[in-house]
């Protein structure tokens, strides 16, 4: 397996960027990362955010578990001034796994306590939390709901790689029933109710999640769906727009509204049995099943609809758009450029820097189109201990408003504090993008449903959990 990240110096990274002809810049002056920014009328102390990294470590009834609390406290202490709290299901049936957080009246005190502890951790290390924002991502898992698939739209290509029943391996097909328009109206109500609860708990913002082919993301590409939520651009964006409009009317300034938005779905990839690399699955053209996807060449982006949508969201008062792409289930190299693939995936079919550059171009397009919205960029973790030099360049040249870090923050939650104190990140603490965190998420635990996700190479508790998983299922090695 080829090793791509072999850079001993920043100059070596720059040489590869130049050789590949990519628009990725480097800046050794990290000052832009630590400048404040205004979000929804609130001052945020720096331009660095923690992405919504789910730990799959809640209790069976959806409350934060010990590892959930530990992770959030580490994020609070770490120095990033915006913590984008992880995927939290709005109903039991819409949970992606048995250990996903769930927001309801019964669980609200535990979520409020999690927030309170996170803020206290930030104050303990940084003295004040007046410029520290913490939000919660509200999710409906749609076709990836663990109890049964709740599908908004059929796409034969995506259906063919969606496992509906995790025990039997039954695949979704054209006969799997779609959610009705009445079902989707109830989803609107569920999301609005969840946002009300998040506001009561004291969260600064909520994310109406529209990414990674979960329910609201799937609706964006539902061109063949009949009824109020499919076909036209207006219909495909209706559910999220209805929710956001209701939140603005009902909650006003009580909570900031944000969204994590796929801007490019791409198409499913499969493992080539000879090369072990990912190859694009054949799709009919024009391909109508991908949002932000070129219908004639679906391996390429077409950002015309995502750009239009970002502008409309800005007009509706959405304060932040967290720009992302792909699906962790069927094209993980698109969303998360990696060195080593997850255990159930393929070797990357492209140099990871190509995926990083794709993320940067997409975030810049959204940022330019909707300059009044805070655009948060993705795709930095593969850059390891050099990610802040790239972040600084993107911020200085106004390609993005803020920079978010996901897997990298699991490995190295206090990377911001280190950079502020020492002028750089530690090479020996940074994420190495070998996908053990995803391997843990894919592991099945007889009693708990699955294993908690964290950084195996950098965080001792997860190294022990990984050993337990291998003892249960050696094939996951």
Foldseek 3Di string as FASTA:
>chain_A
DDFQPPDPDPVVVVVVCVVVVFPFDFALPLVQQQPWDDFLNAIARGQEEADAFAFLQAAQVAFRDPVSLVLLLLLLQQPGQEYEHHEEELDLQQDLFRRHHHDDPVRLVRVLVSVVSSQVSNCVRPVHNRNHAYEYEYARQAQNRAVFHAHAADDQQVQQQRQGHPVPSDTGDPPPDYQDPVSLVVVLVSVLVRVVSRLVSPHQAYADEQAQCGHLVQLCLQCVDDDQRYNDNCNSNVSVLVSLLVCCVPVNNSHAYAYAHEQWAAGFWAQDVPPQETDGDDDDALDRRIHQARSHHRNDGNRPSVLVVLQVVVVSRHAEYEYAYYHCRGQVLLGEPARAHALRHGGYPDNSVVSLSVQLQNQLSNCVSRVRHAYETDSQQCVWFSSSRSQSVCSVVVSGRHYYDYLQCLQPSNQVVCCVVPVTGDNQRGDNRNCVQVLQVPQQDPPSGTGTGGDCVRDPVVVVSVVVSCVVPVSSD
